[in-house]
Amino acid sequence: MRAAVPPSVPTGAGPEAAPGAGARHRPSPQRTCIGCRRVRSKPELVRLVLPAEGPVAVDPTGRRNGRGAYICRQSGTTCLDQARKRKGVTRALRAEPDRIDYELLAAQLAALPTSEEVSPSPR
């Protein structure tokens, strides 16, 4: 016969079993900048998206539909120039060159807040 376990003693099941088990630290996903080719965490990068229709655009939320590629948030225009020289945007997004407006992308990147101004989103 099994002894009764008082309700205040964790039995190994449920969220109260291990203190702090529900509050694990999950590392941020890593992505590669298409300009400088450095691997960084996702909050340090901004996503470029190729939607089904229309030109390539900056996706500050990182959730728009379409094929995506990442570029450094801090040095966005510099990395965009490097990606342009290497044809990295065309290759990463599998896009035709006529769907990429580099001047528009540079303006959108310049208008974004830098990583110091962006607070991490709670998940």
PDB file of N, CA and C in Angstrom:
ATOM      1  N   MET A   1       0.842  -1.159   0.000  1.00  0.00           N
ATOM      2  CA  MET A   1       0.000   0.000   0.000  1.00  0.00           C
ATOM      3  C   MET A   1       0.896   1.234   0.000  1.00  0.00           C
ATOM      4  N   ARG A   2       0.514   2.222  -0.782  1.00  0.00           N
ATOM      5  CA  ARG A   2       1.300   3.437  -0.923  1.00  0.00           C
ATOM      6  C   ARG A   2       0.929   4.432   0.163  1.00  0.00           C
ATOM      7  N   ALA A   3       1.948   5.148   0.611  1.00  0.00           N
ATOM      8  CA  ALA A   3       1.714   6.172   1.620  1.00  0.00           C
ATOM      9  C   ALA A   3       1.154   7.413   0.943  1.00  0.00           C
ATOM     10  N   ALA A   4       0.257   8.067   1.604  1.00  0.00           N
ATOM     11  CA  ALA A   4      -0.332   9.281   1.056  1.00  0.00           C
ATOM     12  C   ALA A   4       0.675  10.422   1.113  1.00  0.00           C
ATOM     13  N   VAL A   5       0.777  11.152   0.041  1.00  0.00           N
ATOM     14  CA  VAL A   5       1.698  12.278  -0.043  1.00  0.00           C
ATOM     15  C   VAL A   5       0.920  13.548   0.246  1.00  0.00           C
ATOM     16  N   PRO A   6       1.401  14.364   1.191  1.00  0.00           N
ATOM     17  CA  PRO A   6       0.683  15.614   1.467  1.00  0.00           C
ATOM     18  C   PRO A   6       0.677  16.506   0.234  1.00  0.00           C
ATOM     19  N   PRO A   7      -0.362  17.311   0.031  1.00  0.00           N
ATOM     20  CA  PRO A   7      -0.462  18.144  -1.165  1.00  0.00           C
ATOM     21  C   PRO A   7       0.632  19.207  -1.267  1.00  0.00           C
ATOM     22  N   SER A   8       1.315  19.544  -0.183  1.00  0.00           N
ATOM     23  CA  SER A   8       2.352  20.569  -0.237  1.00  0.00           C
ATOM     24  C   SER A   8       3.674  20.031  -0.772  1.00  0.00           C
ATOM     25  N   VAL A   9       3.818  18.721  -0.934  1.00  0.00           N
ATOM     26  CA  VAL A   9       5.051  18.119  -1.418  1.00  0.00           C
ATOM     27  C   VAL A   9       4.932  17.906  -2.921  1.00  0.00           C
ATOM     28  N   PRO A  10       5.878  18.442  -3.714  1.00  0.00           N
ATOM     29  CA  PRO A  10       5.819  18.240  -5.157  1.00  0.00           C
ATOM     30  C   PRO A  10       6.020  16.767  -5.494  1.00  0.00           C
ATOM     31  N   THR A  11       5.214  16.267  -6.418  1.00  0.00           N
ATOM     32  CA  THR A  11       5.282  14.862  -6.803  1.00  0.00           C
ATOM     33  C   THR A  11       6.023  14.640  -8.104  1.00  0.00           C
ATOM     34  N   GLY A  12       6.445  15.700  -8.759  1.00  0.00           N
ATOM     35  CA  GLY A  12       7.162  15.548 -10.017  1.00  0.00           C
ATOM     36  C   GLY A  12       6.272  15.807 -11.219  1.00  0.00           C
ATOM     37  N   ALA A  13       5.029  16.134 -10.992  1.00  0.00           N
ATOM     38  CA  ALA A  13       4.120  16.415 -12.098  1.00  0.00           C
ATOM     39  C   ALA A  13       3.535  17.813 -11.926  1.00  0.00           C
ATOM     40  N   GLY A  14       3.322  18.466 -13.032  1.00  0.00           N
ATOM     41  CA  GLY A  14       2.684  19.773 -12.995  1.00  0.00           C
ATOM     42  C   GLY A  14       3.675  20.904 -12.867  1.00  0.00           C
ATOM     43  N   PRO A  15       3.198  22.133 -12.990  1.00  0.00           N
ATOM     44  CA  PRO A  15       4.093  23.292 -12.977  1.00  0.00           C
ATOM     45  C   PRO A  15       4.735  23.559 -11.625  1.00  0.00           C
ATOM     46  N   GLU A  16       4.134  23.076 -10.557  1.00  0.00           N
ATOM     47  CA  GLU A  16       4.712  23.320  -9.235  1.00  0.00           C
ATOM     48  C   GLU A  16       5.763  22.278  -8.870  1.00  0.00           C
ATOM     49  N   ALA A  17       6.020  21.314  -9.725  1.00  0.00           N
ATOM     50  CA  ALA A  17       6.950  20.229  -9.425  1.00  0.00           C
ATOM     51  C   ALA A  17       8.366  20.740  -9.209  1.00  0.00           C
ATOM     52  N   ALA A  18       8.850  21.555 -10.093  1.00  0.00           N
ATOM     53  CA  ALA A  18      10.213  22.064  -9.988  1.00  0.00           C
ATOM     54  C   ALA A  18      10.158  23.584  -9.968  1.00  0.00           C
ATOM     55  N   PRO A  19      10.597  24.197  -8.899  1.00  0.00           N
ATOM     56  CA  PRO A  19      10.565  25.655  -8.845  1.00  0.00           C
ATOM     57  C   PRO A  19      11.419  26.261  -9.948  1.00  0.00           C
ATOM     58  N   GLY A  20      10.850  27.193 -10.682  1.00  0.00           N
ATOM     59  CA  GLY A  20      11.592  27.868 -11.742  1.00  0.00           C
ATOM     60  C   GLY A  20      11.611  27.130 -13.059  1.00  0.00           C
ATOM     61  N   ALA A  21      11.011  25.954 -13.139  1.00  0.00           N
ATOM     62  CA  ALA A  21      11.058  25.187 -14.381  1.00  0.00           C
ATOM     63  C   ALA A  21      10.270  25.869 -15.494  1.00  0.00           C
ATOM     64  N   GLY A  22       9.218  26.574 -15.151  1.00  0.00           N
ATOM     65  CA  GLY A  22       8.409  27.244 -16.158  1.00  0.00           C
ATOM     66  C   GLY A  22       9.046  28.519 -16.679  1.00  0.00           C
ATOM     67  N   ALA A  23      10.034  29.048 -15.989  1.00  0.00           N
ATOM     68  CA  ALA A  23      10.664  30.315 -16.370  1.00  0.00           C
ATOM     69  C   ALA A  23      12.053  30.071 -16.933  1.00  0.00           C
ATOM     70  N   ARG A  24      12.170  29.140 -17.849  1.00  0.00           N
ATOM     71  CA  ARG A  24      13.467  28.850 -18.459  1.00  0.00           C
ATOM     72  C   ARG A  24      13.879  29.981 -19.391  1.00  0.00           C
ATOM     73  N   HIS A  25      15.174  30.180 -19.464  1.00  0.00           N
ATOM     74  CA  HIS A  25      15.707  31.173 -20.393  1.00  0.00           C
ATOM     75  C   HIS A  25      15.930  30.491 -21.731  1.00  0.00           C
ATOM     76  N   ARG A  26      15.228  30.981 -22.745  1.00  0.00           N
ATOM     77  CA  ARG A  26      15.394  30.429 -24.079  1.00  0.00           C
ATOM     78  C   ARG A  26      16.297  31.354 -24.875  1.00  0.00           C
ATOM     79  N   PRO A  27      17.361  30.831 -25.455  1.00  0.00           N
ATOM     80  CA  PRO A  27      18.241  31.696 -26.240  1.00  0.00           C
ATOM     81  C   PRO A  27      17.525  32.190 -27.494  1.00  0.00           C
ATOM     82  N   SER A  28      17.903  33.373 -27.928  1.00  0.00           N
ATOM     83  CA  SER A  28      17.309  33.973 -29.116  1.00  0.00           C
ATOM     84  C   SER A  28      17.792  33.223 -30.356  1.00  0.00           C
ATOM     85  N   PRO A  29      16.926  33.029 -31.345  1.00  0.00           N
ATOM     86  CA  PRO A  29      17.352  32.353 -32.573  1.00  0.00           C
ATOM     87  C   PRO A  29      18.465  33.132 -33.268  1.00  0.00           C
ATOM     88  N   GLN A  30      19.338  32.428 -33.943  1.00  0.00           N
ATOM     89  CA  GLN A  30      20.456  33.036 -34.650  1.00  0.00           C
ATOM     90  C   GLN A  30      20.154  33.089 -36.144  1.00  0.00           C
ATOM     91  N   ARG A  31      20.492  34.198 -36.774  1.00  0.00           N
ATOM     92  CA  ARG A  31      20.329  34.372 -38.209  1.00  0.00           C
ATOM     93  C   ARG A  31      21.595  35.027 -38.757  1.00  0.00           C
ATOM     94  N   THR A  32      21.800  34.918 -40.071  1.00  0.00           N
ATOM     95  CA  THR A  32      22.988  35.470 -40.723  1.00  0.00           C
ATOM     96  C   THR A  32      22.604  36.684 -41.551  1.00  0.00           C
ATOM     97  N   CYS A  33      23.356  37.760 -41.392  1.00  0.00           N
ATOM     98  CA  CYS A  33      23.162  38.970 -42.190  1.00  0.00           C
ATOM     99  C   CYS A  33      23.596  38.676 -43.627  1.00  0.00           C
ATOM    100  N   ILE A  34      22.779  39.077 -44.599  1.00  0.00           N
ATOM    101  CA  ILE A  34      23.123  38.809 -45.995  1.00  0.00           C
ATOM    102  C   ILE A  34      24.174  39.771 -46.525  1.00  0.00           C
ATOM    103  N   GLY A  35      24.496  40.813 -45.760  1.00  0.00           N
ATOM    104  CA  GLY A  35      25.519  41.776 -46.181  1.00  0.00           C
ATOM    105  C   GLY A  35      26.893  41.410 -45.657  1.00  0.00           C
ATOM    106  N   CYS A  36      27.044  41.436 -44.333  1.00  0.00           N
ATOM    107  CA  CYS A  36      28.357  41.198 -43.724  1.00  0.00           C
ATOM    108  C   CYS A  36      28.586  39.727 -43.381  1.00  0.00           C
ATOM    109  N   ARG A  37      27.561  38.895 -43.487  1.00  0.00           N
ATOM    110  CA  ARG A  37      27.625  37.446 -43.242  1.00  0.00           C
ATOM    111  C   ARG A  37      27.936  37.103 -41.788  1.00  0.00           C
ATOM    112  N   ARG A  38      27.659  38.017 -40.865  1.00  0.00           N
ATOM    113  CA  ARG A  38      27.854  37.738 -39.441  1.00  0.00           C
ATOM    114  C   ARG A  38      26.605  37.085 -38.876  1.00  0.00           C
ATOM    115  N   VAL A  39      26.809  36.114 -38.003  1.00  0.00           N
ATOM    116  CA  VAL A  39      25.695  35.452 -37.333  1.00  0.00           C
ATOM    117  C   VAL A  39      25.370  36.251 -36.081  1.00  0.00           C
ATOM    118  N   ARG A  40      24.113  36.650 -35.957  1.00  0.00           N
ATOM    119  CA  ARG A  40      23.662  37.454 -34.825  1.00  0.00           C
ATOM    120  C   ARG A  40      22.314  36.936 -34.353  1.00  0.00           C
ATOM    121  N   SER A  41      21.908  37.408 -33.180  1.00  0.00           N
ATOM    122  CA  SER A  41      20.590  37.039 -32.688  1.00  0.00           C
ATOM    123  C   SER A  41      19.534  37.835 -33.460  1.00  0.00           C
ATOM    124  N   LYS A  42      18.341  37.291 -33.535  1.00  0.00           N
ATOM    125  CA  LYS A  42      17.278  37.913 -34.319  1.00  0.00           C
ATOM    126  C   LYS A  42      16.969  39.359 -33.939  1.00  0.00           C
ATOM    127  N   PRO A  43      16.975  39.732 -32.658  1.00  0.00           N
ATOM    128  CA  PRO A  43      16.683  41.142 -32.330  1.00  0.00           C
ATOM    129  C   PRO A  43      17.718  42.129 -32.875  1.00  0.00           C
ATOM    130  N   GLU A  44      18.919  41.662 -33.189  1.00  0.00           N
ATOM    131  CA  GLU A  44      19.952  42.542 -33.734  1.00  0.00           C
ATOM    132  C   GLU A  44      19.814  42.728 -35.238  1.00  0.00           C
ATOM    133  N   LEU A  45      18.904  42.007 -35.847  1.00  0.00           N
ATOM    134  CA  LEU A  45      18.725  42.039 -37.295  1.00  0.00           C
ATOM    135  C   LEU A  45      17.329  42.536 -37.635  1.00  0.00           C
ATOM    136  N   VAL A  46      17.161  42.958 -38.866  1.00  0.00           N
ATOM    137  CA  VAL A  46      15.850  43.335 -39.374  1.00  0.00           C
ATOM    138  C   VAL A  46      15.590  42.471 -40.613  1.00  0.00           C
ATOM    139  N   ARG A  47      14.343  42.106 -40.796  1.00  0.00           N
ATOM    140  CA  ARG A  47      13.979  41.186 -41.871  1.00  0.00           C
ATOM    141  C   ARG A  47      13.591  41.949 -43.129  1.00  0.00           C
ATOM    142  N   LEU A  48      14.096  41.486 -44.256  1.00  0.00           N
ATOM    143  CA  LEU A  48      13.644  41.944 -45.561  1.00  0.00           C
ATOM    144  C   LEU A  48      12.711  40.865 -46.078  1.00  0.00           C
ATOM    145  N   VAL A  49      11.608  41.251 -46.682  1.00  0.00           N
ATOM    146  CA  VAL A  49      10.631  40.268 -47.123  1.00  0.00           C
ATOM    147  C   VAL A  49      10.290  40.480 -48.591  1.00  0.00           C
ATOM    148  N   LEU A  50      10.137  39.372 -49.294  1.00  0.00           N
ATOM    149  CA  LEU A  50       9.675  39.383 -50.677  1.00  0.00           C
ATOM    150  C   LEU A  50       8.251  38.837 -50.671  1.00  0.00           C
ATOM    151  N   PRO A  51       7.255  39.718 -50.724  1.00  0.00           N
ATOM    152  CA  PRO A  51       5.867  39.246 -50.728  1.00  0.00           C
ATOM    153  C   PRO A  51       5.522  38.603 -52.074  1.00  0.00           C
ATOM    154  N   ALA A  52       4.372  37.968 -52.135  1.00  0.00           N
ATOM    155  CA  ALA A  52       3.944  37.331 -53.380  1.00  0.00           C
ATOM    156  C   ALA A  52       3.816  38.364 -54.502  1.00  0.00           C
ATOM    157  N   GLU A  53       3.350  39.548 -54.164  1.00  0.00           N
ATOM    158  CA  GLU A  53       3.216  40.631 -55.141  1.00  0.00           C
ATOM    159  C   GLU A  53       3.933  41.863 -54.611  1.00  0.00           C
ATOM    160  N   GLY A  54       4.567  42.596 -55.499  1.00  0.00           N
ATOM    161  CA  GLY A  54       5.196  43.842 -55.099  1.00  0.00           C
ATOM    162  C   GLY A  54       6.688  43.700 -54.874  1.00  0.00           C
ATOM    163  N   PRO A  55       7.315  44.820 -54.512  1.00  0.00           N
ATOM    164  CA  PRO A  55       8.770  44.831 -54.347  1.00  0.00           C
ATOM    165  C   PRO A  55       9.205  44.320 -52.971  1.00  0.00           C
ATOM    166  N   VAL A  56      10.500  44.099 -52.839  1.00  0.00           N
ATOM    167  CA  VAL A  56      11.096  43.726 -51.558  1.00  0.00           C
ATOM    168  C   VAL A  56      10.923  44.894 -50.600  1.00  0.00           C
ATOM    169  N   ALA A  57      10.585  44.592 -49.347  1.00  0.00           N
ATOM    170  CA  ALA A  57      10.353  45.647 -48.360  1.00  0.00           C
ATOM    171  C   ALA A  57      10.953  45.247 -47.025  1.00  0.00           C
ATOM    172  N   VAL A  58      11.157  46.231 -46.165  1.00  0.00           N
ATOM    173  CA  VAL A  58      11.620  45.985 -44.804  1.00  0.00           C
ATOM    174  C   VAL A  58      10.413  45.532 -43.988  1.00  0.00           C
ATOM    175  N   ASP A  59      10.623  44.487 -43.186  1.00  0.00           N
ATOM    176  CA  ASP A  59       9.564  43.944 -42.333  1.00  0.00           C
ATOM    177  C   ASP A  59       9.982  44.129 -40.879  1.00  0.00           C
ATOM    178  N   PRO A  60       9.656  45.266 -40.262  1.00  0.00           N
ATOM    179  CA  PRO A  60      10.115  45.508 -38.890  1.00  0.00           C
ATOM    180  C   PRO A  60       9.511  44.549 -37.866  1.00  0.00           C
ATOM    181  N   THR A  61       8.338  43.977 -38.160  1.00  0.00           N
ATOM    182  CA  THR A  61       7.721  43.037 -37.221  1.00  0.00           C
ATOM    183  C   THR A  61       8.293  41.636 -37.361  1.00  0.00           C
ATOM    184  N   GLY A  62       8.822  41.318 -38.534  1.00  0.00           N
ATOM    185  CA  GLY A  62       9.378  39.988 -38.769  1.00  0.00           C
ATOM    186  C   GLY A  62       8.319  38.919 -38.964  1.00  0.00           C
ATOM    187  N   ARG A  63       7.082  39.316 -39.271  1.00  0.00           N
ATOM    188  CA  ARG A  63       5.985  38.357 -39.363  1.00  0.00           C
ATOM    189  C   ARG A  63       5.214  38.402 -40.680  1.00  0.00           C
ATOM    190  N   ARG A  64       5.611  39.245 -41.606  1.00  0.00           N
ATOM    191  CA  ARG A  64       4.873  39.324 -42.871  1.00  0.00           C
ATOM    192  C   ARG A  64       5.053  38.062 -43.687  1.00  0.00           C
ATOM    193  N   ASN A  65       4.052  37.749 -44.501  1.00  0.00           N
ATOM    194  CA  ASN A  65       4.133  36.581 -45.373  1.00  0.00           C
ATOM    195  C   ASN A  65       5.120  36.836 -46.497  1.00  0.00           C
ATOM    196  N   GLY A  66       5.842  35.805 -46.864  1.00  0.00           N
ATOM    197  CA  GLY A  66       6.776  35.895 -47.965  1.00  0.00           C
ATOM    198  C   GLY A  66       8.148  35.391 -47.564  1.00  0.00           C
ATOM    199  N   ARG A  67       9.008  35.261 -48.544  1.00  0.00           N
ATOM    200  CA  ARG A  67      10.371  34.805 -48.307  1.00  0.00           C
ATOM    201  C   ARG A  67      11.145  35.919 -47.626  1.00  0.00           C
ATOM    202  N   GLY A  68      11.927  35.559 -46.621  1.00  0.00           N
ATOM    203  CA  GLY A  68      12.641  36.564 -45.856  1.00  0.00           C
ATOM    204  C   GLY A  68      14.139  36.371 -45.838  1.00  0.00           C
ATOM    205  N   ALA A  69      14.841  37.445 -45.572  1.00  0.00           N
ATOM    206  CA  ALA A  69      16.286  37.454 -45.382  1.00  0.00           C
ATOM    207  C   ALA A  69      16.568  38.520 -44.334  1.00  0.00           C
ATOM    208  N   TYR A  70      17.719  38.435 -43.690  1.00  0.00           N
ATOM    209  CA  TYR A  70      18.022  39.329 -42.569  1.00  0.00           C
ATOM    210  C   TYR A  70      19.223  40.202 -42.863  1.00  0.00           C
ATOM    211  N   ILE A  71      19.174  41.415 -42.305  1.00  0.00           N
ATOM    212  CA  ILE A  71      20.258  42.385 -42.459  1.00  0.00           C
ATOM    213  C   ILE A  71      20.450  43.087 -41.116  1.00  0.00           C
ATOM    214  N   CYS A  72      21.678  43.494 -40.817  1.00  0.00           N
ATOM    215  CA  CYS A  72      21.984  44.111 -39.524  1.00  0.00           C
ATOM    216  C   CYS A  72      21.155  45.366 -39.309  1.00  0.00           C
ATOM    217  N   ARG A  73      20.596  45.491 -38.119  1.00  0.00           N
ATOM    218  CA  ARG A  73      19.799  46.664 -37.767  1.00  0.00           C
ATOM    219  C   ARG A  73      20.709  47.863 -37.535  1.00  0.00           C
ATOM    220  N   GLN A  74      21.845  47.652 -36.872  1.00  0.00           N
ATOM    221  CA  GLN A  74      22.761  48.740 -36.501  1.00  0.00           C
ATOM    222  C   GLN A  74      23.409  49.365 -37.730  1.00  0.00           C
ATOM    223  N   SER A  75      23.934  48.542 -38.616  1.00  0.00           N
ATOM    224  CA  SER A  75      24.652  49.044 -39.795  1.00  0.00           C
ATOM    225  C   SER A  75      23.899  48.653 -41.057  1.00  0.00           C
ATOM    226  N   GLY A  76      22.616  48.900 -41.088  1.00  0.00           N
ATOM    227  CA  GLY A  76      21.735  48.442 -42.159  1.00  0.00           C
ATOM    228  C   GLY A  76      22.131  48.890 -43.545  1.00  0.00           C
ATOM    229  N   THR A  77      22.393  50.176 -43.739  1.00  0.00           N
ATOM    230  CA  THR A  77      22.708  50.650 -45.085  1.00  0.00           C
ATOM    231  C   THR A  77      24.067  50.159 -45.553  1.00  0.00           C
ATOM    232  N   THR A  78      25.018  50.024 -44.643  1.00  0.00           N
ATOM    233  CA  THR A  78      26.334  49.486 -45.014  1.00  0.00           C
ATOM    234  C   THR A  78      26.208  48.029 -45.440  1.00  0.00           C
ATOM    235  N   CYS A  79      25.483  47.255 -44.654  1.00  0.00           N
ATOM    236  CA  CYS A  79      25.286  45.840 -44.992  1.00  0.00           C
ATOM    237  C   CYS A  79      24.443  45.694 -46.259  1.00  0.00           C
ATOM    238  N   LEU A  80      23.506  46.612 -46.475  1.00  0.00           N
ATOM    239  CA  LEU A  80      22.708  46.576 -47.698  1.00  0.00           C
ATOM    240  C   LEU A  80      23.593  46.821 -48.915  1.00  0.00           C
ATOM    241  N   ASP A  81      24.549  47.754 -48.808  1.00  0.00           N
ATOM    242  CA  ASP A  81      25.477  48.005 -49.910  1.00  0.00           C
ATOM    243  C   ASP A  81      26.337  46.772 -50.194  1.00  0.00           C
ATOM    244  N   GLN A  82      26.802  46.115 -49.138  1.00  0.00           N
ATOM    245  CA  GLN A  82      27.597  44.899 -49.327  1.00  0.00           C
ATOM    246  C   GLN A  82      26.766  43.798 -49.983  1.00  0.00           C
ATOM    247  N   ALA A  83      25.520  43.655 -49.536  1.00  0.00           N
ATOM    248  CA  ALA A  83      24.640  42.638 -50.114  1.00  0.00           C
ATOM    249  C   ALA A  83      24.342  42.951 -51.578  1.00  0.00           C
ATOM    250  N   ARG A  84      24.240  44.230 -51.900  1.00  0.00           N
ATOM    251  CA  ARG A  84      23.988  44.622 -53.283  1.00  0.00           C
ATOM    252  C   ARG A  84      25.174  44.267 -54.177  1.00  0.00           C
ATOM    253  N   LYS A  85      26.386  44.535 -53.691  1.00  0.00           N
ATOM    254  CA  LYS A  85      27.584  44.213 -54.471  1.00  0.00           C
ATOM    255  C   LYS A  85      27.730  42.714 -54.700  1.00  0.00           C
ATOM    256  N   ARG A  86      27.389  41.932 -53.688  1.00  0.00           N
ATOM    257  CA  ARG A  86      27.506  40.467 -53.782  1.00  0.00           C
ATOM    258  C   ARG A  86      26.267  39.802 -54.357  1.00  0.00           C
ATOM    259  N   LYS A  87      25.251  40.585 -54.660  1.00  0.00           N
ATOM    260  CA  LYS A  87      23.961  40.078 -55.126  1.00  0.00           C
ATOM    261  C   LYS A  87      23.329  39.148 -54.093  1.00  0.00           C
ATOM    262  N   GLY A  88      23.539  39.495 -52.833  1.00  0.00           N
ATOM    263  CA  GLY A  88      23.030  38.687 -51.734  1.00  0.00           C
ATOM    264  C   GLY A  88      21.530  38.763 -51.577  1.00  0.00           C
ATOM    265  N   VAL A  89      20.943  39.938 -51.839  1.00  0.00           N
ATOM    266  CA  VAL A  89      19.492  40.091 -51.711  1.00  0.00           C
ATOM    267  C   VAL A  89      18.803  39.250 -52.782  1.00  0.00           C
ATOM    268  N   THR A  90      19.298  39.329 -53.993  1.00  0.00           N
ATOM    269  CA  THR A  90      18.726  38.562 -55.092  1.00  0.00           C
ATOM    270  C   THR A  90      18.797  37.072 -54.819  1.00  0.00           C
ATOM    271  N   ARG A  91      19.937  36.619 -54.330  1.00  0.00           N
ATOM    272  CA  ARG A  91      20.134  35.188 -54.070  1.00  0.00           C
ATOM    273  C   ARG A  91      19.327  34.706 -52.875  1.00  0.00           C
ATOM    274  N   ALA A  92      19.359  35.448 -51.772  1.00  0.00           N
ATOM    275  CA  ALA A  92      18.683  35.004 -50.548  1.00  0.00           C
ATOM    276  C   ALA A  92      17.163  34.985 -50.709  1.00  0.00           C
ATOM    277  N   LEU A  93      16.635  35.968 -51.418  1.00  0.00           N
ATOM    278  CA  LEU A  93      15.187  36.050 -51.580  1.00  0.00           C
ATOM    279  C   LEU A  93      14.690  35.367 -52.851  1.00  0.00           C
ATOM    280  N   ARG A  94      15.635  34.897 -53.662  1.00  0.00           N
ATOM    281  CA  ARG A  94      15.302  34.273 -54.947  1.00  0.00           C
ATOM    282  C   ARG A  94      14.404  35.206 -55.765  1.00  0.00           C
ATOM    283  N   ALA A  95      14.823  36.457 -55.799  1.00  0.00           N
ATOM    284  CA  ALA A  95      14.022  37.505 -56.437  1.00  0.00           C
ATOM    285  C   ALA A  95      14.658  37.948 -57.747  1.00  0.00           C
ATOM    286  N   GLU A  96      13.820  38.425 -58.631  1.00  0.00           N
ATOM    287  CA  GLU A  96      14.306  39.053 -59.851  1.00  0.00           C
ATOM    288  C   GLU A  96      14.851  40.431 -59.487  1.00  0.00           C
ATOM    289  N   PRO A  97      15.926  40.877 -60.120  1.00  0.00           N
ATOM    290  CA  PRO A  97      16.511  42.189 -59.787  1.00  0.00           C
ATOM    291  C   PRO A  97      15.545  43.361 -59.940  1.00  0.00           C
ATOM    292  N   ASP A  98      14.554  43.247 -60.813  1.00  0.00           N
ATOM    293  CA  ASP A  98      13.625  44.357 -60.999  1.00  0.00           C
ATOM    294  C   ASP A  98      12.640  44.512 -59.834  1.00  0.00           C
ATOM    295  N   ARG A  99      12.557  43.540 -58.935  1.00  0.00           N
ATOM    296  CA  ARG A  99      11.673  43.639 -57.770  1.00  0.00           C
ATOM    297  C   ARG A  99      12.386  44.234 -56.556  1.00  0.00           C
ATOM    298  N   ILE A 100      13.656  44.613 -56.709  1.00  0.00           N
ATOM    299  CA  ILE A 100      14.429  45.149 -55.590  1.00  0.00           C
ATOM    300  C   ILE A 100      14.742  46.613 -55.856  1.00  0.00           C
ATOM    301  N   ASP A 101      14.246  47.487 -54.991  1.00  0.00           N
ATOM    302  CA  ASP A 101      14.524  48.912 -55.072  1.00  0.00           C
ATOM    303  C   ASP A 101      15.453  49.256 -53.900  1.00  0.00           C
ATOM    304  N   TYR A 102      16.751  49.315 -54.173  1.00  0.00           N
ATOM    305  CA  TYR A 102      17.742  49.506 -53.118  1.00  0.00           C
ATOM    306  C   TYR A 102      17.617  50.872 -52.439  1.00  0.00           C
ATOM    307  N   GLU A 103      17.238  51.894 -53.183  1.00  0.00           N
ATOM    308  CA  GLU A 103      17.090  53.224 -52.584  1.00  0.00           C
ATOM    309  C   GLU A 103      15.929  53.240 -51.588  1.00  0.00           C
ATOM    310  N   LEU A 104      14.825  52.587 -51.942  1.00  0.00           N
ATOM    311  CA  LEU A 104      13.675  52.494 -51.040  1.00  0.00           C
ATOM    312  C   LEU A 104      14.044  51.680 -49.794  1.00  0.00           C
ATOM    313  N   LEU A 105      14.760  50.579 -49.979  1.00  0.00           N
ATOM    314  CA  LEU A 105      15.186  49.766 -48.833  1.00  0.00           C
ATOM    315  C   LEU A 105      16.114  50.558 -47.917  1.00  0.00           C
ATOM    316  N   ALA A 106      17.035  51.317 -48.495  1.00  0.00           N
ATOM    317  CA  ALA A 106      17.954  52.123 -47.684  1.00  0.00           C
ATOM    318  C   ALA A 106      17.187  53.170 -46.884  1.00  0.00           C
ATOM    319  N   ALA A 107      16.183  53.790 -47.487  1.00  0.00           N
ATOM    320  CA  ALA A 107      15.374  54.780 -46.773  1.00  0.00           C
ATOM    321  C   ALA A 107      14.582  54.118 -45.639  1.00  0.00           C
ATOM    322  N   GLN A 108      14.028  52.939 -45.888  1.00  0.00           N
ATOM    323  CA  GLN A 108      13.275  52.230 -44.858  1.00  0.00           C
ATOM    324  C   GLN A 108      14.186  51.796 -43.714  1.00  0.00           C
ATOM    325  N   LEU A 109      15.396  51.346 -44.036  1.00  0.00           N
ATOM    326  CA  LEU A 109      16.348  50.943 -42.994  1.00  0.00           C
ATOM    327  C   LEU A 109      16.796  52.132 -42.163  1.00  0.00           C
ATOM    328  N   ALA A 110      16.996  53.269 -42.806  1.00  0.00           N
ATOM    329  CA  ALA A 110      17.431  54.461 -42.082  1.00  0.00           C
ATOM    330  C   ALA A 110      16.337  54.966 -41.138  1.00  0.00           C
ATOM    331  N   ALA A 111      15.087  54.713 -41.463  1.00  0.00           N
ATOM    332  CA  ALA A 111      13.971  55.175 -40.635  1.00  0.00           C
ATOM    333  C   ALA A 111      13.712  54.278 -39.435  1.00  0.00           C
ATOM    334  N   LEU A 112      14.284  53.081 -39.427  1.00  0.00           N
ATOM    335  CA  LEU A 112      14.068  52.146 -38.313  1.00  0.00           C
ATOM    336  C   LEU A 112      14.841  52.582 -37.076  1.00  0.00           C
ATOM    337  N   PRO A 113      14.296  52.306 -35.886  1.00  0.00           N
ATOM    338  CA  PRO A 113      15.063  52.572 -34.669  1.00  0.00           C
ATOM    339  C   PRO A 113      16.209  51.570 -34.548  1.00  0.00           C
ATOM    340  N   THR A 114      17.313  51.989 -33.928  1.00  0.00           N
ATOM    341  CA  THR A 114      18.450  51.094 -33.736  1.00  0.00           C
ATOM    342  C   THR A 114      18.155  50.108 -32.610  1.00  0.00           C
ATOM    343  N   SER A 115      19.020  49.144 -32.396  1.00  0.00           N
ATOM    344  CA  SER A 115      18.781  48.106 -31.387  1.00  0.00           C
ATOM    345  C   SER A 115      18.743  48.675 -29.973  1.00  0.00           C
ATOM    346  N   GLU A 116      19.424  49.816 -29.711  1.00  0.00           N
ATOM    347  CA  GLU A 116      19.367  50.420 -28.385  1.00  0.00           C
ATOM    348  C   GLU A 116      17.991  51.018 -28.115  1.00  0.00           C
ATOM    349  N   GLU A 117      17.313  51.474 -29.183  1.00  0.00           N
ATOM    350  CA  GLU A 117      16.013  52.098 -29.036  1.00  0.00           C
ATOM    351  C   GLU A 117      14.875  51.084 -29.009  1.00  0.00           C
ATOM    352  N   VAL A 118      15.163  49.852 -29.410  1.00  0.00           N
ATOM    353  CA  VAL A 118      14.141  48.817 -29.483  1.00  0.00           C
ATOM    354  C   VAL A 118      14.189  47.998 -28.216  1.00  0.00           C
ATOM    355  N   SER A 119      13.047  47.831 -27.570  1.00  0.00           N
ATOM    356  CA  SER A 119      13.000  46.974 -26.390  1.00  0.00           C
ATOM    357  C   SER A 119      12.583  45.583 -26.823  1.00  0.00           C
ATOM    358  N   PRO A 120      13.162  44.537 -26.242  1.00  0.00           N
ATOM    359  CA  PRO A 120      12.806  43.184 -26.647  1.00  0.00           C
ATOM    360  C   PRO A 120      11.353  42.888 -26.314  1.00  0.00           C
ATOM    361  N   SER A 121      10.697  42.190 -27.222  1.00  0.00           N
ATOM    362  CA  SER A 121       9.289  41.872 -27.020  1.00  0.00           C
ATOM    363  C   SER A 121       9.160  40.711 -26.037  1.00  0.00           C
ATOM    364  N   PRO A 122       8.237  40.801 -25.089  1.00  0.00           N
ATOM    365  CA  PRO A 122       8.062  39.717 -24.130  1.00  0.00           C
ATOM    366  C   PRO A 122       7.388  38.532 -24.793  1.00  0.00           C
ATOM    367  N   ARG A 123       7.922  37.363 -24.567  1.00  0.00           N
ATOM    368  CA  ARG A 123       7.342  36.140 -25.127  1.00  0.00           C
ATOM    369  C   ARG A 123       7.136  35.140 -24.051  1.00  0.00           C
TER     370      ARG A 123
END
